[in-house]
C-alpha atoms as a PDB file:
ATOM      1  CA  MET A   1      -2.213  25.521   4.962  1.00  0.00           C
ATOM      2  CA  HIS A   2       1.093  25.321   6.824  1.00  0.00           C
ATOM      3  CA  PHE A   3       3.083  22.103   6.502  1.00  0.00           C
ATOM      4  CA  PRO A   4       3.732  19.914   8.397  1.00  0.00           C
ATOM      5  CA  VAL A   5       0.359  19.915  10.141  1.00  0.00           C
ATOM      6  CA  ASN A   6       0.316  19.196  13.868  1.00  0.00           C
ATOM      7  CA  VAL A   7      -2.586  18.495  16.202  1.00  0.00           C
ATOM      8  CA  HIS A   8      -2.554  20.389  19.488  1.00  0.00           C
ATOM      9  CA  ILE A   9      -4.199  18.813  22.517  1.00  0.00           C
ATOM     10  CA  GLY A  10      -3.624  21.075  25.486  1.00  0.00           C
ATOM     11  CA  SER A  11       0.129  21.439  25.828  1.00  0.00           C
ATOM     12  CA  LEU A  12       0.706  18.324  23.735  1.00  0.00           C
ATOM     13  CA  THR A  13       1.654  18.600  20.059  1.00  0.00           C
ATOM     14  CA  ILE A  14       1.115  15.504  17.933  1.00  0.00           C
ATOM     15  CA  PRO A  15       2.221  15.306  14.282  1.00  0.00           C
ATOM     16  CA  ALA A  16      -0.855  14.718  12.121  1.00  0.00           C
ATOM     17  CA  HIS A  17       1.125  12.099  10.202  1.00  0.00           C
ATOM     18  CA  LEU A  18       1.711  10.022  13.335  1.00  0.00           C
ATOM     19  CA  LEU A  19      -1.919  10.407  14.364  1.00  0.00           C
ATOM     20  CA  CYS A  20      -3.192   9.318  10.928  1.00  0.00           C
ATOM     21  CA  GLU A  21      -0.793   6.390  10.792  1.00  0.00           C
ATOM     22  CA  THR A  22      -1.978   5.176  14.197  1.00  0.00           C
ATOM     23  CA  LEU A  23      -5.618   5.596  13.204  1.00  0.00           C
ATOM     24  CA  ALA A  24      -4.969   3.753   9.931  1.00  0.00           C
ATOM     25  CA  TYR A  25      -3.780   0.656  11.802  1.00  0.00           C
ATOM     26  CA  PHE A  26      -6.526   0.853  14.421  1.00  0.00           C
ATOM     27  CA  ILE A  27      -9.496   1.612  12.163  1.00  0.00           C
ATOM     28  CA  GLY A  28      -8.301  -0.737   9.426  1.00  0.00           C
ATOM     29  CA  TYR A  29      -8.024  -3.609  11.888  1.00  0.00           C
ATOM     30  CA  ARG A  30     -11.404  -2.835  13.478  1.00  0.00           C
ATOM     31  CA  TYR A  31     -12.997  -2.811  10.028  1.00  0.00           C
ATOM     32  CA  TYR A  32     -11.378  -6.166   9.273  1.00  0.00           C
ATOM     33  CA  THR A  33     -12.694  -7.723  12.515  1.00  0.00           C
ATOM     34  CA  TYR A  34     -16.164  -6.380  11.692  1.00  0.00           C
ATOM     35  CA  LEU A  35     -16.090  -7.939   8.214  1.00  0.00           C
ATOM     36  CA  ARG A  36     -14.769 -11.245   9.532  1.00  0.00           C
ATOM     37  CA  LYS A  37     -17.509 -11.350  12.145  1.00  0.00           C
ATOM     38  CA  HIS A  38     -20.120 -11.015   9.402  1.00  0.00           C
ATOM     39  CA  THR A  39     -18.420 -13.359   6.915  1.00  0.00           C
ATOM     40  CA  ASN A  40     -18.248 -17.122   6.758  1.00  0.00           C
ATOM     41  CA  ASP A  41     -14.456 -17.264   7.002  1.00  0.00           C
ATOM     42  CA  ALA A  42     -12.960 -20.547   5.797  1.00  0.00           C
ATOM     43  CA  ILE A  43      -9.779 -19.876   7.789  1.00  0.00           C
ATOM     44  CA  SER A  44      -9.784 -20.573  11.516  1.00  0.00           C
ATOM     45  CA  ALA A  45      -8.960 -17.863  14.055  1.00  0.00           C
ATOM     46  CA  SER A  46      -5.709 -19.565  15.046  1.00  0.00           C
ATOM     47  CA  HIS A  47      -4.564 -19.855  11.437  1.00  0.00           C
ATOM     48  CA  ARG A  48      -5.551 -16.240  10.803  1.00  0.00           C
ATOM     49  CA  LEU A  49      -3.332 -15.166  13.682  1.00  0.00           C
ATOM     50  CA  ILE A  50      -0.373 -17.143  12.346  1.00  0.00           C
ATOM     51  CA  ILE A  51      -0.925 -15.679   8.871  1.00  0.00           C
ATOM     52  CA  PHE A  52      -1.021 -12.183  10.364  1.00  0.00           C
ATOM     53  CA  VAL A  53       2.348 -12.786  11.997  1.00  0.00           C
ATOM     54  CA  GLY A  54       3.788 -14.006   8.696  1.00  0.00           C
ATOM     55  CA  ALA A  55       2.319 -11.013   6.875  1.00  0.00           C
ATOM     56  CA  ALA A  56       3.650  -8.537   9.449  1.00  0.00           C
ATOM     57  CA  ALA A  57       7.154 -10.022   9.365  1.00  0.00           C
ATOM     58  CA  GLY A  58       7.232 -10.061   5.570  1.00  0.00           C
ATOM     59  CA  ALA A  59       5.819  -6.545   5.308  1.00  0.00           C
ATOM     60  CA  PHE A  60       8.372  -5.182   7.786  1.00  0.00           C
ATOM     61  CA  LEU A  61      11.336  -6.698   5.959  1.00  0.00           C
ATOM     62  CA  GLY A  62      10.016  -5.954   2.471  1.00  0.00           C
ATOM     63  CA  SER A  63       9.124  -2.365   3.298  1.00  0.00           C
ATOM     64  CA  HIS A  64      12.531  -1.521   4.728  1.00  0.00           C
ATOM     65  CA  LEU A  65      14.603  -3.541   2.244  1.00  0.00           C
ATOM     66  CA  ILE A  66      13.027  -1.877  -0.787  1.00  0.00           C
ATOM     67  CA  GLY A  67      13.178   1.414   1.111  1.00  0.00           C
ATOM     68  CA  ILE A  68      16.950   1.357   1.561  1.00  0.00           C
ATOM     69  CA  PHE A  69      17.486   0.393  -2.086  1.00  0.00           C
ATOM     70  CA  GLU A  70      15.402   3.323  -3.367  1.00  0.00           C
ATOM     71  CA  ASN A  71      18.534   5.457  -3.540  1.00  0.00           C
ATOM     72  CA  PRO A  72      21.541   3.252  -4.450  1.00  0.00           C
ATOM     73  CA  ASP A  73      23.940   6.171  -3.903  1.00  0.00           C
ATOM     74  CA  LEU A  74      23.204   6.070  -0.173  1.00  0.00           C
ATOM     75  CA  LEU A  75      23.757   2.336   0.306  1.00  0.00           C
ATOM     76  CA  LYS A  76      27.255   2.989   1.610  1.00  0.00           C
ATOM     77  CA  ASN A  77      25.655   4.724   4.597  1.00  0.00           C
ATOM     78  CA  VAL A  78      23.456   1.785   5.557  1.00  0.00           C
ATOM     79  CA  SER A  79      23.012   1.357   9.306  1.00  0.00           C
ATOM     80  CA  LEU A  80      20.246   0.136  11.585  1.00  0.00           C
ATOM     81  CA  VAL A  81      18.928   3.689  11.909  1.00  0.00           C
ATOM     82  CA  TYR A  82      18.972   4.138   8.122  1.00  0.00           C
ATOM     83  CA  PHE A  83      17.281   0.752   7.651  1.00  0.00           C
ATOM     84  CA  LEU A  84      14.476   1.568  10.087  1.00  0.00           C
ATOM     85  CA  GLY A  85      14.068   5.097   8.737  1.00  0.00           C
ATOM     86  CA  ASN A  86      13.403   4.047   5.154  1.00  0.00           C
ATOM     87  CA  LYS A  87      10.303   2.171   4.135  1.00  0.00           C
ATOM     88  CA  THR A  88       7.894   1.940   1.239  1.00  0.00           C
ATOM     89  CA  ILE A  89       4.345   0.664   0.849  1.00  0.00           C
ATOM     90  CA  VAL A  90       5.192  -1.290  -2.304  1.00  0.00           C
ATOM     91  CA  GLY A  91       7.860  -3.227  -0.438  1.00  0.00           C
ATOM     92  CA  GLY A  92       5.463  -3.742   2.456  1.00  0.00           C
ATOM     93  CA  PHE A  93       2.754  -5.200   0.222  1.00  0.00           C
ATOM     94  CA  LEU A  94       5.141  -7.459  -1.692  1.00  0.00           C
ATOM     95  CA  GLY A  95       6.986  -8.553   1.436  1.00  0.00           C
ATOM     96  CA  GLY A  96       3.684  -9.196   3.179  1.00  0.00           C
ATOM     97  CA  LEU A  97       2.535 -11.245   0.207  1.00  0.00           C
ATOM     98  CA  ILE A  98       5.644 -13.418   0.390  1.00  0.00           C
ATOM     99  CA  GLY A  99       5.275 -13.769   4.157  1.00  0.00           C
ATOM    100  CA  VAL A 100       1.650 -14.843   3.813  1.00  0.00           C
ATOM    101  CA  GLU A 101       2.298 -17.364   1.038  1.00  0.00           C
ATOM    102  CA  VAL A 102       5.200 -18.965   2.903  1.00  0.00           C
ATOM    103  CA  THR A 103       3.165 -19.105   6.130  1.00  0.00           C
ATOM    104  CA  LYS A 104       0.096 -20.588   4.420  1.00  0.00           C
ATOM    105  CA  LYS A 105       2.210 -23.270   2.811  1.00  0.00           C
ATOM    106  CA  GLN A 106       3.666 -24.199   6.192  1.00  0.00           C
ATOM    107  CA  ILE A 107       0.278 -24.505   7.916  1.00  0.00           C
ATOM    108  CA  GLY A 108      -1.566 -26.036   4.958  1.00  0.00           C
ATOM    109  CA  VAL A 109      -4.043 -23.225   4.208  1.00  0.00           C
ATOM    110  CA  LYS A 110      -5.057 -23.288   0.543  1.00  0.00           C
ATOM    111  CA  VAL A 111      -7.860 -20.697   0.386  1.00  0.00           C
ATOM    112  CA  SER A 112      -7.287 -16.979  -0.028  1.00  0.00           C
ATOM    113  CA  SER A 113      -6.546 -15.017   3.124  1.00  0.00           C
ATOM    114  CA  GLY A 114      -6.288 -11.662   1.346  1.00  0.00           C
ATOM    115  CA  ASP A 115      -9.820 -11.173   0.012  1.00  0.00           C
ATOM    116  CA  LEU A 116     -11.131 -10.252   3.449  1.00  0.00           C
ATOM    117  CA  MET A 117      -8.342  -7.707   3.891  1.00  0.00           C
ATOM    118  CA  VAL A 118      -8.924  -5.683   0.725  1.00  0.00           C
ATOM    119  CA  TYR A 119     -11.452  -3.103   1.923  1.00  0.00           C
ATOM    120  CA  PRO A 120      -9.802  -2.665   5.351  1.00  0.00           C
ATOM    121  CA  LEU A 121      -6.444  -2.132   3.621  1.00  0.00           C
ATOM    122  CA  ILE A 122      -7.964   0.435   1.274  1.00  0.00           C
ATOM    123  CA  LEU A 123      -9.468   2.325   4.207  1.00  0.00           C
ATOM    124  CA  ALA A 124      -6.183   2.185   6.109  1.00  0.00           C
ATOM    125  CA  MET A 125      -4.287   3.445   3.056  1.00  0.00           C
ATOM    126  CA  ILE A 126      -6.654   6.398   2.614  1.00  0.00           C
ATOM    127  CA  ILE A 127      -6.158   7.424   6.241  1.00  0.00           C
ATOM    128  CA  GLY A 128      -2.418   6.815   6.093  1.00  0.00           C
ATOM    129  CA  ARG A 129      -1.894   8.779   2.886  1.00  0.00           C
ATOM    130  CA  THR A 130      -3.882  11.649   4.376  1.00  0.00           C
ATOM    131  CA  GLY A 131      -1.217  11.729   7.060  1.00  0.00           C
ATOM    132  CA  CYS A 132       1.500  11.664   4.392  1.00  0.00           C
ATOM    133  CA  PHE A 133      -0.087  14.700   2.738  1.00  0.00           C
ATOM    134  CA  LEU A 134      -0.334  16.586   6.025  1.00  0.00           C
ATOM    135  CA  ALA A 135       3.339  15.849   6.743  1.00  0.00           C
ATOM    136  CA  GLY A 136       4.367  17.929   3.723  1.00  0.00           C
ATOM    137  CA  LEU A 137       8.009  17.664   2.701  1.00  0.00           C
ATOM    138  CA  GLU A 138       9.001  15.645   5.764  1.00  0.00           C
ATOM    139  CA  ASP A 139       7.322  12.492   4.477  1.00  0.00           C
ATOM    140  CA  GLY A 140       8.896  12.461   1.036  1.00  0.00           C
ATOM    141  CA  THR A 141       5.750  11.293  -0.781  1.00  0.00           C
ATOM    142  CA  TYR A 142       5.250  14.495  -2.781  1.00  0.00           C
ATOM    143  CA  GLY A 143       5.743  14.800  -6.517  1.00  0.00           C
ATOM    144  CA  VAL A 144       7.997  16.768  -8.826  1.00  0.00           C
ATOM    145  CA  PRO A 145       7.477  20.519  -9.441  1.00  0.00           C
ATOM    146  CA  ALA A 146       4.410  21.373 -11.531  1.00  0.00           C
ATOM    147  CA  ASN A 147       2.505  24.421 -12.744  1.00  0.00           C
ATOM    148  CA  LEU A 148      -0.896  22.744 -12.692  1.00  0.00           C
ATOM    149  CA  PRO A 149      -3.808  24.547 -10.985  1.00  0.00           C
ATOM    150  CA  TRP A 150      -3.922  21.910  -8.244  1.00  0.00           C
ATOM    151  CA  ALA A 151      -0.162  21.817  -7.585  1.00  0.00           C
ATOM    152  CA  ILE A 152       0.646  22.473  -3.920  1.00  0.00           C
ATOM    153  CA  ASN A 153       3.397  24.363  -2.122  1.00  0.00           C
ATOM    154  CA  PHE A 154       4.386  22.068   0.742  1.00  0.00           C
ATOM    155  CA  GLY A 155       6.401  24.762   2.485  1.00  0.00           C
ATOM    156  CA  ASP A 156       9.524  25.368   0.403  1.00  0.00           C
ATOM    157  CA  GLY A 157       7.959  27.768  -2.096  1.00  0.00           C
ATOM    158  CA  ILE A 158       7.823  25.179  -4.894  1.00  0.00           C
ATOM    159  CA  ARG A 159       4.480  23.992  -6.220  1.00  0.00           C
ATOM    160  CA  ARG A 160       4.462  20.234  -6.718  1.00  0.00           C
ATOM    161  CA  HIS A 161       2.255  17.337  -7.784  1.00  0.00           C
ATOM    162  CA  PRO A 162       0.345  16.234  -4.651  1.00  0.00           C
ATOM    163  CA  THR A 163       1.008  12.568  -5.442  1.00  0.00           C
ATOM    164  CA  ASN A 164      -0.207  11.522  -1.986  1.00  0.00           C
ATOM    165  CA  LEU A 165      -3.603  13.004  -2.848  1.00  0.00           C
ATOM    166  CA  TYR A 166      -3.520  11.251  -6.220  1.00  0.00           C
ATOM    167  CA  GLU A 167      -3.091   8.000  -4.344  1.00  0.00           C
ATOM    168  CA  ILE A 168      -6.056   8.753  -2.080  1.00  0.00           C
ATOM    169  CA  PHE A 169      -8.201   9.347  -5.176  1.00  0.00           C
ATOM    170  CA  PHE A 170      -6.917   6.077  -6.633  1.00  0.00           C
ATOM    171  CA  TRP A 171      -7.942   4.127  -3.524  1.00  0.00           C
ATOM    172  CA  ILE A 172     -11.395   5.708  -3.497  1.00  0.00           C
ATOM    173  CA  LEU A 173     -11.874   4.909  -7.194  1.00  0.00           C
ATOM    174  CA  LEU A 174     -10.658   1.328  -6.714  1.00  0.00           C
ATOM    175  CA  SER A 175     -12.975   0.797  -3.759  1.00  0.00           C
ATOM    176  CA  LEU A 176     -16.003   2.121  -5.651  1.00  0.00           C
ATOM    177  CA  SER A 177     -15.096   0.073  -8.733  1.00  0.00           C
ATOM    178  CA  LEU A 178     -14.742  -3.149  -6.718  1.00  0.00           C
ATOM    179  CA  ALA A 179     -18.030  -2.542  -4.933  1.00  0.00           C
ATOM    180  CA  GLU A 180     -19.830  -1.834  -8.208  1.00  0.00           C
ATOM    181  CA  PHE A 181     -18.296  -4.916  -9.846  1.00  0.00           C
ATOM    182  CA  GLU A 182     -19.388  -7.127  -6.950  1.00  0.00           C
ATOM    183  CA  LYS A 183     -22.983  -6.010  -7.359  1.00  0.00           C
ATOM    184  CA  LYS A 184     -23.080  -7.914 -10.653  1.00  0.00           C
ATOM    185  CA  TYR A 185     -20.406 -10.596 -10.363  1.00  0.00           C
ATOM    186  CA  ARG A 186     -18.772 -12.803  -7.771  1.00  0.00           C
ATOM    187  CA  PHE A 187     -14.998 -12.870  -7.542  1.00  0.00           C
ATOM    188  CA  SER A 188     -13.323 -16.268  -7.557  1.00  0.00           C
ATOM    189  CA  ASN A 189     -11.244 -17.259  -4.541  1.00  0.00           C
ATOM    190  CA  GLY A 190      -8.394 -14.787  -4.146  1.00  0.00           C
ATOM    191  CA  ALA A 191      -9.397 -12.645  -7.127  1.00  0.00           C
ATOM    192  CA  ARG A 192     -10.384  -9.550  -5.160  1.00  0.00           C
ATOM    193  CA  PHE A 193      -6.941  -9.375  -3.567  1.00  0.00           C
ATOM    194  CA  LYS A 194      -5.252  -9.978  -6.918  1.00  0.00           C
ATOM    195  CA  VAL A 195      -7.133  -7.026  -8.448  1.00  0.00           C
ATOM    196  CA  PHE A 196      -6.200  -4.935  -5.414  1.00  0.00           C
ATOM    197  CA  MET A 197      -2.496  -5.747  -5.802  1.00  0.00           C
ATOM    198  CA  VAL A 198      -2.334  -5.450  -9.582  1.00  0.00           C
ATOM    199  CA  GLY A 199      -4.251  -2.165  -9.505  1.00  0.00           C
ATOM    200  CA  TYR A 200      -1.916  -0.633  -6.956  1.00  0.00           C
ATOM    201  CA  LEU A 201       1.261  -1.912  -8.600  1.00  0.00           C
ATOM    202  CA  LEU A 202       0.153  -0.441 -11.941  1.00  0.00           C
ATOM    203  CA  PHE A 203      -0.735   2.849 -10.263  1.00  0.00           C
ATOM    204  CA  ARG A 204       2.592   3.079  -8.435  1.00  0.00           C
ATOM    205  CA  PHE A 205       4.558   2.159 -11.544  1.00  0.00           C
ATOM    206  CA  CYS A 206       2.956   5.085 -13.394  1.00  0.00           C
ATOM    207  CA  ILE A 207       2.960   7.644 -10.571  1.00  0.00           C
ATOM    208  CA  GLU A 208       6.688   7.137  -9.905  1.00  0.00           C
ATOM    209  CA  PHE A 209       7.447   9.011 -13.124  1.00  0.00           C
ATOM    210  CA  ILE A 210       6.270  12.240 -11.468  1.00  0.00           C
ATOM    211  CA  LYS A 211       8.025  11.661  -8.151  1.00  0.00           C
ATOM    212  CA  PRO A 212      11.591  12.760  -7.342  1.00  0.00           C
ATOM    213  CA  ALA A 213      12.952   9.219  -7.302  1.00  0.00           C
ATOM    214  CA  TYR A 214      16.343   7.827  -8.276  1.00  0.00           C
ATOM    215  CA  PHE A 215      16.105   6.502 -11.847  1.00  0.00           C
ATOM    216  CA  PHE A 216      18.607   4.119 -13.368  1.00  0.00           C
ATOM    217  CA  SER A 217      20.102   4.808 -16.800  1.00  0.00           C
ATOM    218  CA  PHE A 218      17.371   2.663 -18.388  1.00  0.00           C
ATOM    219  CA  GLY A 219      14.694   5.010 -17.036  1.00  0.00           C
ATOM    220  CA  LEU A 220      13.130   3.075 -14.146  1.00  0.00           C
ATOM    221  CA  SER A 221      13.357   3.353 -10.367  1.00  0.00           C
ATOM    222  CA  VAL A 222      13.741   0.636  -7.740  1.00  0.00           C
ATOM    223  CA  ILE A 223      10.063   1.002  -6.855  1.00  0.00           C
ATOM    224  CA  GLN A 224       9.079   0.514 -10.493  1.00  0.00           C
ATOM    225  CA  LEU A 225      11.259  -2.594 -10.776  1.00  0.00           C
ATOM    226  CA  ALA A 226       9.573  -3.973  -7.652  1.00  0.00           C
ATOM    227  CA  CYS A 227       6.176  -3.187  -9.201  1.00  0.00           C
ATOM    228  CA  LEU A 228       7.143  -5.048 -12.377  1.00  0.00           C
ATOM    229  CA  ALA A 229       8.224  -8.060 -10.305  1.00  0.00           C
ATOM    230  CA  GLY A 230       4.859  -8.063  -8.556  1.00  0.00           C
ATOM    231  CA  LEU A 231       2.960  -7.725 -11.827  1.00  0.00           C
ATOM    232  CA  LEU A 232       4.958 -10.610 -13.277  1.00  0.00           C
ATOM    233  CA  TYR A 233       3.874 -12.713 -10.294  1.00  0.00           C
ATOM    234  CA  TYR A 234       0.247 -11.959 -11.179  1.00  0.00           C
ATOM    235  CA  TYR A 235       0.702 -12.426 -14.932  1.00  0.00           C
ATOM    236  CA  ARG A 236      -2.235 -14.874 -15.115  1.00  0.00           C
ATOM    237  CA  ILE A 237      -4.650 -11.971 -14.589  1.00  0.00           C
ATOM    238  CA  PHE A 238      -3.580 -10.522 -17.930  1.00  0.00           C
ATOM    239  CA  VAL A 239      -3.523 -13.892 -19.690  1.00  0.00           C
ATOM    240  CA  ARG A 240      -6.862 -15.183 -18.334  1.00  0.00           C
ATOM    241  CA  PRO A 241      -8.916 -12.282 -16.922  1.00  0.00           C
ATOM    242  CA  SER A 242     -12.001 -14.534 -16.941  1.00  0.00           C
ATOM    243  CA  SER A 243     -10.427 -16.509 -14.068  1.00  0.00           C
ATOM    244  CA  LEU A 244     -11.205 -13.598 -11.760  1.00  0.00           C
ATOM    245  CA  VAL A 245     -14.925 -14.347 -11.887  1.00  0.00           C
ATOM    246  CA  GLU A 246     -16.449 -17.387 -10.211  1.00  0.00           C
ATOM    247  CA  SER A 247     -17.903 -19.817 -12.694  1.00  0.00           C
ATOM    248  CA  HIS A 248     -21.498 -21.007 -12.138  1.00  0.00           C
ATOM    249  CA  ALA A 249     -21.254 -23.801 -14.691  1.00  0.00           C
END
């Protein structure tokens, strides 16, 4: 396979990454609207829209802010172009979380708004990370050099950990695990989204060790510090895991 992969439609050449990213937003949102249509949603349509705006604003800021701090050595070159050109999913999720919580507090919504988004987000992430893989070195989501049988040459002659594929496998495993769990148990309000976030933050914290990131002298990267902050926010999951399951008493 030659990286980056492009899709040719007549005389038009479209980067596969851009195509996958667009499809991720479109299909993820369509899946969400389908689930909401077939779910007794406790949040009104108008409040959902306001929450979406809060989530989008928080995700945009969080994604780019964490993105520009990923490499502290380049902070002296910060500009609008640099700000917009650097983003990270971890920052997007955490920023979106903050945006949602602030928005819900302002409009008085107390029930979870994230549970309904879990499976659509997982689907969108699978599609999006497929695009990251097809982008090769241009996307920057590859891993460090490796001699493993499944290591991939993304175009520079060096075989690396395909960490974008690892993430796709993680999302598939998480989706199957959640679905299997929900066959036997019922999540309490907000628990599905908490498991989604904690699972991904733990995954990203671990996978960063085999990515070419900037590591501070104490051995952690900016992404890992952000993951730890998010995990600290959800500390109750580790203290009282039973709270994730709805009580029938």
